[in-house]
Protein backbone atom coordinates (compact mmCIF):
# COMPACT_ATOMS: atom_id res chain seq x y z
CA UNK A 1 16.03 54.86 30.80
CA UNK A 2 13.80 51.99 29.71
CA UNK A 3 12.32 49.90 32.53
CA UNK A 4 13.00 46.19 32.90
CA UNK A 5 9.36 45.38 32.44
CA UNK A 6 9.17 47.40 29.25
CA UNK A 7 12.36 45.82 27.97
CA UNK A 8 11.08 42.27 28.30
CA UNK A 9 7.75 43.13 26.78
CA UNK A 10 9.70 44.57 23.88
CA UNK A 11 11.69 41.33 23.66
CA UNK A 12 8.56 39.25 23.38
CA UNK A 13 7.03 41.66 20.89
CA UNK A 14 10.05 41.52 18.60
CA UNK A 15 10.67 37.79 18.86
CA UNK A 16 7.17 36.49 18.22
CA UNK A 17 6.51 37.87 14.70
CA UNK A 18 9.72 36.30 13.35
CA UNK A 19 8.41 32.79 13.92
CA UNK A 20 6.38 30.84 11.33
CA UNK A 21 3.60 30.17 13.84
CA UNK A 22 2.69 33.85 13.86
CA UNK A 23 -0.21 34.67 11.57
CA UNK A 24 0.82 38.28 10.97
CA UNK A 25 3.98 40.30 11.14
CA UNK A 26 3.79 43.43 13.23
CA UNK A 27 5.98 46.37 12.25
CA UNK A 28 8.96 47.09 14.43
CA UNK A 29 8.54 50.04 16.81
CA UNK A 30 11.23 51.93 14.91
CA UNK A 31 9.26 51.69 11.63
CA UNK A 32 5.65 52.88 11.45
CA UNK A 33 3.18 50.74 9.47
CA UNK A 34 2.89 53.37 6.77
CA UNK A 35 6.61 53.02 6.01
CA UNK A 36 6.64 49.21 5.67
CA UNK A 37 8.55 48.19 2.54
CA UNK A 38 7.71 44.93 0.77
CA UNK A 39 10.73 42.62 0.59
CA UNK A 40 11.13 40.31 -2.39
CA UNK A 41 11.23 36.75 -1.09
CA UNK A 42 13.08 33.75 -2.43
CA UNK A 43 10.48 31.50 -4.04
CA UNK A 44 11.00 27.74 -3.95
CA UNK A 45 8.89 26.98 -7.03
CA UNK A 46 10.93 29.44 -9.09
CA UNK A 47 14.18 27.90 -7.88
CA UNK A 48 13.00 24.41 -8.84
CA UNK A 49 11.83 25.57 -12.28
CA UNK A 50 15.15 27.28 -12.95
CA UNK A 51 17.14 24.24 -11.81
CA UNK A 52 15.17 22.03 -14.20
CA UNK A 53 16.05 24.41 -17.04
CA UNK A 54 19.74 25.06 -16.45
CA UNK A 55 21.25 22.38 -14.20
CA UNK A 56 24.17 20.79 -16.11
CA UNK A 57 23.56 17.29 -14.69
CA UNK A 58 19.99 17.31 -15.94
CA UNK A 59 21.06 18.52 -19.36
CA UNK A 60 23.78 15.86 -19.57
CA UNK A 61 21.30 13.10 -18.66
CA UNK A 62 18.84 14.37 -21.26
CA UNK A 63 21.54 14.35 -23.97
CA UNK A 64 22.37 10.75 -23.05
CA UNK A 65 18.74 9.71 -23.56
CA UNK A 66 18.69 11.44 -26.94
CA UNK A 67 21.92 9.69 -27.92
CA UNK A 68 20.58 6.25 -26.95
CA UNK A 69 17.30 6.92 -28.77
CA UNK A 70 19.37 7.35 -31.94
CA UNK A 71 20.81 3.85 -31.47
CA UNK A 72 17.43 2.11 -31.87
CA UNK A 73 17.03 2.52 -35.66
CA UNK A 74 20.72 1.73 -36.09
CA UNK A 75 20.32 -1.58 -34.27
CA UNK A 76 17.32 -2.57 -36.40
CA UNK A 77 18.94 -1.66 -39.72
CA UNK A 78 20.52 -4.13 -42.12
CA UNK A 79 24.32 -4.15 -42.49
CA UNK A 80 25.60 -1.83 -45.20
CA UNK A 81 25.73 -3.51 -48.62
CA UNK A 82 29.09 -3.99 -50.28
CA UNK A 83 29.63 -2.88 -53.87
CA UNK A 84 32.81 -3.77 -55.74
CA UNK A 85 34.19 -3.29 -59.25
CA UNK A 86 37.06 -5.14 -60.94
CA UNK A 87 38.73 -6.24 -64.14
CA UNK A 88 40.98 -8.96 -65.52
CA UNK A 89 43.45 -8.85 -68.40
CA UNK A 90 45.59 -5.69 -68.30
CA UNK A 91 47.46 -3.95 -65.48
CA UNK A 92 45.77 -0.72 -66.45
CA UNK A 93 42.51 -0.35 -64.43
CA UNK A 94 39.41 -1.55 -66.27
CA UNK A 95 41.24 -2.20 -69.54
CA UNK A 96 40.61 -5.65 -71.04
CA UNK A 97 42.41 -7.65 -73.74
CA UNK A 98 40.22 -8.01 -76.74
CA UNK A 99 42.17 -11.08 -77.81
CA UNK A 100 41.69 -12.87 -74.52
CA UNK A 101 38.31 -14.45 -73.89
CA UNK A 102 38.86 -14.68 -70.16
CA UNK A 103 39.51 -10.97 -69.86
CA UNK A 104 36.62 -9.05 -68.36
CA UNK A 105 35.49 -6.10 -66.32
CA UNK A 106 32.48 -6.06 -64.03
CA UNK A 107 30.71 -4.98 -60.87
CA UNK A 108 29.13 -6.87 -58.01
CA UNK A 109 27.00 -6.12 -54.95
CA UNK A 110 26.51 -8.10 -51.75
CA UNK A 111 24.10 -7.78 -48.80
CA UNK A 112 24.12 -9.71 -45.53
CA UNK A 113 20.83 -10.72 -43.94
CA UNK A 114 20.95 -11.70 -40.24
CA UNK A 115 19.01 -14.78 -39.24
CA UNK A 116 15.30 -13.93 -38.79
CA UNK A 117 14.63 -12.39 -35.37
CA UNK A 118 18.16 -11.05 -34.72
CA UNK A 119 17.47 -7.53 -35.96
CA UNK A 120 14.26 -7.32 -33.96
CA UNK A 121 16.05 -8.41 -30.77
CA UNK A 122 18.88 -5.94 -31.35
CA UNK A 123 16.32 -3.18 -31.75
CA UNK A 124 14.55 -4.23 -28.54
CA UNK A 125 17.85 -4.27 -26.64
CA UNK A 126 18.68 -0.75 -27.83
CA UNK A 127 15.17 0.40 -26.92
CA UNK A 128 15.46 -1.10 -23.42
CA UNK A 129 18.76 0.73 -22.92
CA UNK A 130 17.14 3.98 -24.00
CA UNK A 131 14.24 3.44 -21.58
CA UNK A 132 16.65 2.65 -18.75
CA UNK A 133 18.56 5.85 -19.56
CA UNK A 134 15.28 7.77 -19.46
CA UNK A 135 14.69 6.58 -15.89
CA UNK A 136 18.25 7.66 -15.06
CA UNK A 137 17.37 11.06 -16.51
CA UNK A 138 14.20 11.14 -14.41
CA UNK A 139 16.24 10.14 -11.35
CA UNK A 140 18.66 13.00 -12.02
CA UNK A 141 15.80 15.49 -12.25
CA UNK A 142 14.20 14.26 -9.05
CA UNK A 143 17.51 14.24 -7.20
CA UNK A 144 18.37 17.78 -8.29
CA UNK A 145 14.89 19.03 -7.32
CA UNK A 146 15.24 17.31 -3.95
CA UNK A 147 18.68 18.86 -3.42
CA UNK A 148 17.34 22.31 -4.33
CA UNK A 149 14.54 21.91 -1.78
CA UNK A 150 16.88 20.62 0.93
CA UNK A 151 19.27 23.53 0.32
CA UNK A 152 16.35 25.98 0.32
CA UNK A 153 14.92 24.69 3.60
CA UNK A 154 18.34 24.89 5.24
CA UNK A 155 18.81 28.39 3.90
CA UNK A 156 15.33 29.40 5.12
CA UNK A 157 16.07 28.11 8.61
CA UNK A 158 19.50 29.79 8.76
CA UNK A 159 18.15 33.05 7.37
CA UNK A 160 15.36 33.21 9.98
CA UNK A 161 17.58 31.91 12.79
CA UNK A 162 20.13 34.60 12.02
CA UNK A 163 17.47 37.33 12.03
CA UNK A 164 16.06 36.11 15.36
CA UNK A 165 19.49 35.79 16.94
CA UNK A 166 20.64 39.23 15.79
CA UNK A 167 17.40 40.73 17.09
CA UNK A 168 17.91 39.08 20.48
CA UNK A 169 21.52 40.20 20.55
CA UNK A 170 20.32 43.79 20.52
CA UNK A 171 18.00 43.08 23.43
CA UNK A 172 20.71 41.21 25.32
CA UNK A 173 23.06 44.16 24.88
CA UNK A 174 20.44 46.38 26.52
CA UNK A 175 20.01 43.87 29.33
CA UNK A 176 23.74 43.83 29.91
CA UNK A 177 23.84 47.63 29.93
CA UNK A 178 21.10 47.68 32.57
CA UNK A 179 23.04 45.16 34.66
CA UNK A 180 26.15 47.34 34.37
CA UNK A 181 24.20 50.42 35.40
CA UNK A 182 22.75 48.62 38.44
CA UNK A 183 26.21 47.37 39.40
CA UNK A 184 27.70 50.87 39.15
CA UNK A 185 24.99 52.22 41.46
CA UNK A 186 25.42 49.36 43.93
CA UNK A 187 22.05 47.81 43.19
CA UNK A 188 23.34 44.81 41.24
CA UNK A 189 26.06 42.18 41.44
CA UNK A 190 29.19 41.94 39.31
CA UNK A 191 28.32 38.38 38.37
CA UNK A 192 25.20 39.72 36.64
CA UNK A 193 27.38 41.85 34.41
CA UNK A 194 29.81 39.00 33.73
CA UNK A 195 27.00 36.56 32.98
CA UNK A 196 25.42 39.03 30.57
CA UNK A 197 28.73 39.53 28.80
CA UNK A 198 29.27 35.77 28.51
CA UNK A 199 25.80 35.26 27.08
CA UNK A 200 26.38 38.11 24.66
CA UNK A 201 29.68 36.57 23.53
CA UNK A 202 27.93 33.25 22.96
CA UNK A 203 25.27 34.97 20.90
CA UNK A 204 27.98 36.63 18.80
CA UNK A 205 29.57 33.22 18.29
CA UNK A 206 26.21 31.81 17.20
CA UNK A 207 25.72 34.69 14.78
CA UNK A 208 29.15 34.06 13.24
CA UNK A 209 28.39 30.36 12.78
CA UNK A 210 24.94 31.03 11.36
CA UNK A 211 26.34 33.53 8.87
CA UNK A 212 28.93 31.04 7.66
CA UNK A 213 26.36 28.27 7.37
CA UNK A 214 24.03 30.57 5.45
CA UNK A 215 26.86 31.36 3.04
CA UNK A 216 27.35 27.63 2.49
CA UNK A 217 23.62 27.14 1.88
CA UNK A 218 23.64 30.10 -0.53
CA UNK A 219 26.56 28.61 -2.46
CA UNK A 220 24.80 25.25 -2.65
CA UNK A 221 21.62 26.77 -4.12
CA UNK A 222 23.62 28.79 -6.64
CA UNK A 223 25.65 25.74 -7.67
CA UNK A 224 22.51 23.73 -8.36
CA UNK A 225 21.26 26.63 -10.47
CA UNK A 226 24.58 26.81 -12.37
CA UNK A 227 25.42 30.26 -10.98
CA UNK A 228 28.38 31.78 -9.22
CA UNK A 229 28.49 30.73 -5.53
CA UNK A 230 28.68 34.39 -4.53
CA UNK A 231 25.36 35.32 -6.17
CA UNK A 232 23.28 36.96 -3.41
CA UNK A 233 19.88 35.52 -2.51
CA UNK A 234 16.78 37.25 -1.21
CA UNK A 235 15.38 36.37 2.20
CA UNK A 236 13.48 33.10 2.18
CA UNK A 237 9.74 32.82 2.59
CA UNK A 238 8.54 31.52 5.98
CA UNK A 239 8.56 27.74 6.04
CA UNK A 240 5.14 26.13 5.86
CA UNK A 241 3.98 23.21 7.98
CA UNK A 242 3.01 21.00 5.05
CA UNK A 243 0.95 18.00 6.18
CA UNK A 244 2.05 14.52 5.13
CA UNK A 245 -0.98 13.12 3.31
CA UNK A 246 0.22 9.53 2.99
CA UNK A 247 0.61 6.63 5.39
CA UNK A 248 3.77 4.53 5.42
CA UNK A 249 1.98 1.71 3.56
CA UNK A 250 0.86 4.14 0.85
CA UNK A 251 4.40 5.47 0.52
CA UNK A 252 5.68 1.91 0.07
CA UNK A 253 3.21 1.37 -2.77
CA UNK A 254 4.10 4.66 -4.42
CA UNK A 255 7.79 3.83 -4.23
CA UNK A 256 7.27 0.41 -5.76
CA UNK A 257 5.47 2.02 -8.70
CA UNK A 258 7.41 5.26 -9.13
CA UNK A 259 10.96 4.78 -7.88
CA UNK A 260 13.35 5.50 -10.73
CA UNK A 261 15.84 2.89 -9.58
CA UNK A 262 13.26 0.10 -9.57
CA UNK A 263 11.84 1.16 -12.93
CA UNK A 264 15.28 1.51 -14.48
CA UNK A 265 16.36 -1.88 -13.14
CA UNK A 266 13.26 -3.46 -14.68
CA UNK A 267 14.23 -2.07 -18.08
CA UNK A 268 17.76 -3.42 -17.61
CA UNK A 269 16.44 -6.90 -16.74
CA UNK A 270 14.19 -6.82 -19.81
CA UNK A 271 17.20 -5.84 -21.91
CA UNK A 272 19.20 -8.73 -20.45
CA UNK A 273 16.42 -11.19 -21.30
CA UNK A 274 16.50 -10.02 -24.90
CA UNK A 275 20.31 -10.25 -24.86
CA UNK A 276 20.07 -13.90 -23.77
CA UNK A 277 17.62 -14.61 -26.58
CA UNK A 278 19.92 -12.87 -29.09
CA UNK A 279 22.92 -14.83 -27.83
CA UNK A 280 21.04 -18.09 -28.37
CA UNK A 281 20.22 -17.02 -31.91
CA UNK A 282 23.95 -16.62 -32.57
CA UNK A 283 24.01 -20.40 -33.12
CA UNK A 284 22.02 -19.76 -36.30
CA UNK A 285 23.87 -18.54 -39.40
CA UNK A 286 23.48 -15.25 -41.17
CA UNK A 287 22.95 -15.17 -44.94
CA UNK A 288 24.71 -13.18 -47.60
CA UNK A 289 23.41 -12.61 -51.13
CA UNK A 290 25.50 -11.17 -53.93
CA UNK A 291 24.91 -10.34 -57.60
CA UNK A 292 27.46 -9.61 -60.29
CA UNK A 293 27.76 -8.41 -63.87
CA UNK A 294 30.73 -9.01 -66.21
CA UNK A 295 31.53 -7.60 -69.61
CA UNK A 296 33.83 -9.83 -71.70
CA UNK A 297 35.36 -8.78 -75.05
CA UNK A 298 33.75 -10.42 -78.01
CA UNK A 299 31.23 -12.23 -75.87
CA UNK A 300 27.81 -11.74 -74.27
CA UNK A 301 27.22 -9.89 -71.01
CA UNK A 302 27.52 -12.25 -68.06
CA UNK A 303 25.34 -12.20 -64.97
CA UNK A 304 25.73 -14.20 -61.80
CA UNK A 305 24.97 -14.43 -58.11
CA UNK A 306 25.97 -16.16 -54.90
CA UNK A 307 24.32 -17.12 -51.64
CA UNK A 308 26.48 -17.71 -48.57
CA UNK A 309 26.12 -18.52 -44.90
CA UNK A 310 28.53 -18.35 -42.00
CA UNK A 311 29.09 -21.64 -40.17
CA UNK A 312 29.41 -21.34 -36.33
CA UNK A 313 31.85 -24.22 -36.00
CA UNK A 314 33.62 -22.58 -33.02
CA UNK A 315 30.45 -22.52 -30.95
CA UNK A 316 32.11 -23.98 -27.85
CA UNK A 317 34.45 -21.02 -27.43
CA UNK A 318 32.21 -18.38 -28.97
CA UNK A 319 28.44 -18.84 -29.09
CA UNK A 320 28.22 -21.00 -25.98
CA UNK A 321 30.27 -18.47 -23.99
CA UNK A 322 28.17 -15.65 -25.37
CA UNK A 323 25.03 -17.29 -24.00
CA UNK A 324 26.73 -17.93 -20.66
CA UNK A 325 27.87 -14.30 -20.43
CA UNK A 326 24.38 -12.98 -21.18
CA UNK A 327 22.79 -15.36 -18.65
CA UNK A 328 25.18 -14.35 -15.90
CA UNK A 329 24.58 -10.66 -16.64
CA UNK A 330 20.82 -11.27 -16.38
CA UNK A 331 21.22 -13.06 -13.03
CA UNK A 332 23.39 -10.25 -11.66
CA UNK A 333 21.01 -7.50 -12.72
CA UNK A 334 18.07 -9.39 -11.18
CA UNK A 335 19.95 -9.37 -7.88
CA UNK A 336 20.52 -5.64 -8.27
CA UNK A 337 16.79 -5.17 -8.85
CA UNK A 338 15.87 -7.14 -5.73
CA UNK A 339 18.40 -5.19 -3.65
CA UNK A 340 16.98 -1.90 -4.92
CA UNK A 341 13.46 -2.85 -3.87
CA UNK A 342 14.65 -3.70 -0.37
CA UNK A 343 16.78 -0.56 -0.14
CA UNK A 344 13.93 1.68 -1.29
CA UNK A 345 11.67 0.39 1.46
CA UNK A 346 14.38 1.16 4.02
CA UNK A 347 14.95 4.66 2.63
CA UNK A 348 11.22 5.41 2.58
CA UNK A 349 10.81 4.31 6.19
CA UNK A 350 13.91 6.22 7.30
CA UNK A 351 12.69 9.53 5.87
CA UNK A 352 9.12 8.84 7.01
CA UNK A 353 10.30 8.32 10.61
CA UNK A 354 12.46 11.45 10.39
CA UNK A 355 9.42 13.43 9.25
CA UNK A 356 7.25 11.93 12.00
CA UNK A 357 9.83 12.74 14.65
CA UNK A 358 10.20 16.32 13.47
CA UNK A 359 6.42 16.70 13.35
CA UNK A 360 6.04 15.46 16.92
CA UNK A 361 8.75 17.81 18.13
CA UNK A 362 7.11 20.70 16.28
CA UNK A 363 3.87 20.05 18.15
CA UNK A 364 5.75 19.71 21.43
CA UNK A 365 7.50 23.03 20.96
CA UNK A 366 4.36 24.79 19.71
CA UNK A 367 1.93 23.48 22.31
CA UNK A 368 4.12 23.03 25.37
CA UNK A 369 7.75 24.09 25.48
CA UNK A 370 7.58 27.53 23.84
CA UNK A 371 4.34 28.64 25.58
CA UNK A 372 5.65 27.42 28.95
CA UNK A 373 8.99 29.16 28.39
CA UNK A 374 7.18 32.38 27.47
CA UNK A 375 5.12 32.17 30.65
CA UNK A 376 8.25 31.42 32.69
CA UNK A 377 10.00 34.45 31.25
CA UNK A 378 7.00 36.67 31.90
CA UNK A 379 6.75 35.40 35.50
CA UNK A 380 10.46 35.86 36.13
CA UNK A 381 10.19 39.38 34.74
CA UNK A 382 7.57 40.28 37.34
CA UNK A 383 9.47 38.54 40.13
CA UNK A 384 12.67 40.30 39.13
CA UNK A 385 10.85 43.62 39.48
CA UNK A 386 9.90 42.66 43.04
CA UNK A 387 13.30 41.16 43.84
CA UNK A 388 12.10 37.53 44.17
CA UNK A 389 14.49 36.24 41.47
CA UNK A 390 17.96 37.39 40.52
CA UNK A 391 19.26 38.65 37.22
CA UNK A 392 20.89 35.31 36.34
CA UNK A 393 17.57 33.47 36.50
CA UNK A 394 15.96 36.13 34.36
CA UNK A 395 18.78 35.91 31.83
CA UNK A 396 18.59 32.11 31.69
CA UNK A 397 14.86 32.25 31.00
CA UNK A 398 15.49 34.79 28.26
CA UNK A 399 18.12 32.65 26.51
CA UNK A 400 16.07 29.47 26.99
CA UNK A 401 13.14 31.01 25.15
CA UNK A 402 15.44 32.02 22.32
CA UNK A 403 16.89 28.50 22.07
CA UNK A 404 13.49 26.85 22.11
CA UNK A 405 12.15 29.09 19.37
CA UNK A 406 15.20 28.32 17.21
CA UNK A 407 14.75 24.60 17.89
CA UNK A 408 11.10 24.88 16.88
CA UNK A 409 11.99 26.47 13.56
CA UNK A 410 14.77 23.94 13.05
CA UNK A 411 12.26 21.10 13.41
CA UNK A 412 10.06 22.70 10.73
CA UNK A 413 13.11 22.79 8.45
CA UNK A 414 14.05 19.18 9.26
CA UNK A 415 10.47 18.08 8.62
CA UNK A 416 10.44 19.68 5.18
CA UNK A 417 13.88 18.24 4.42
CA UNK A 418 12.64 14.74 5.24
CA UNK A 419 9.69 15.24 2.87
CA UNK A 420 12.02 16.56 0.16
CA UNK A 421 14.17 13.44 0.47
CA UNK A 422 11.09 11.25 0.20
CA UNK A 423 9.99 12.81 -3.08
CA UNK A 424 12.55 11.12 -5.40
CA UNK A 425 11.57 7.74 -3.97
CA UNK A 426 7.81 8.01 -4.25
CA UNK A 427 7.52 10.30 -7.26
CA UNK A 428 5.00 12.78 -5.79
CA UNK A 429 5.36 16.29 -4.44
CA UNK A 430 5.43 16.39 -0.64
CA UNK A 431 7.56 19.37 0.43
CA UNK A 432 6.38 22.85 -0.48
């Protein structure tokens, strides 16, 4: 039967390689190095690239930009000309009375010309709307990429946490068996057995929860990639400790320049300014020009033309209200723009502080808590061999080390998630 000392050394040997801090993975004792099989890992860059290609939200946003682009030449174009044909004299179409001088048949054409500057402004308004839609499209891409990364980091944590917990369950089962054997021979206490069984039940509960959460994370990744939620995923690559290369002040500046909401709001405000200018031009009339040709029996061909203008005599209830509407829309969208700038600064600082907190906790776990817990477990192992500590103390130290290692990996995941949520705001890649 395996000794207690050998068992705990085995526990440390199996637990350490599973953590991201380890530089190399040692083969398990049950599998010689020569039999190691390479496992295909889930690659974040490939997931992001696939999401950009197939995500329905991104495709829908892109189609909207294309649709609005097609409005620009329409807005700049002249109204369609009107062509008409007619006759006078007989009820039969285009038949004239040769004995009647006023009888005729003819054709005419008319074109309307908006007051100078109106077509240009309409084209600028349509172009501003297209540019604003492009920033919405860019926002959709960034948000989807961020969501893919967040889902991936959660999946990576859950996948590793589940592997670590299942590995420690096996070791805890052996510990419990040893406690049972000692109790049966009168060398141990019943409470040792009961405590081991309770801890084992709690580990089984944790495994059940982790499996369910991993299924949820799997479904989320598949949904973002427009796949069935049940599509299986490979194990995730170990999470990296990506350094944050920017200060908070630099992130503020990046957000002010690159945030899609701010940029889109600026295009909307520019559109509203042009809309106000167009509304003011509605006081000026549009022109219509028409030309006609008539054929009269027994007489010469007749040619004619007309020039017309519309008269905005109802300006109080129409044009004046149009200007007021456009001005109020501009004022409202300016307020939206100011609110977005303030909100972006808050969101940047929130995610920055989350990343800083996770980074500090990572260092605390790496440099203090986990090493101290490992030393405590090793010391309690030796003291248990000499009878200086009981089984319950040894078991608590064992479970504490497991918890601290899981917390350490969770902080790495939370750190990367905070960086992923910063990316849409600042427009640069931070989480990898």
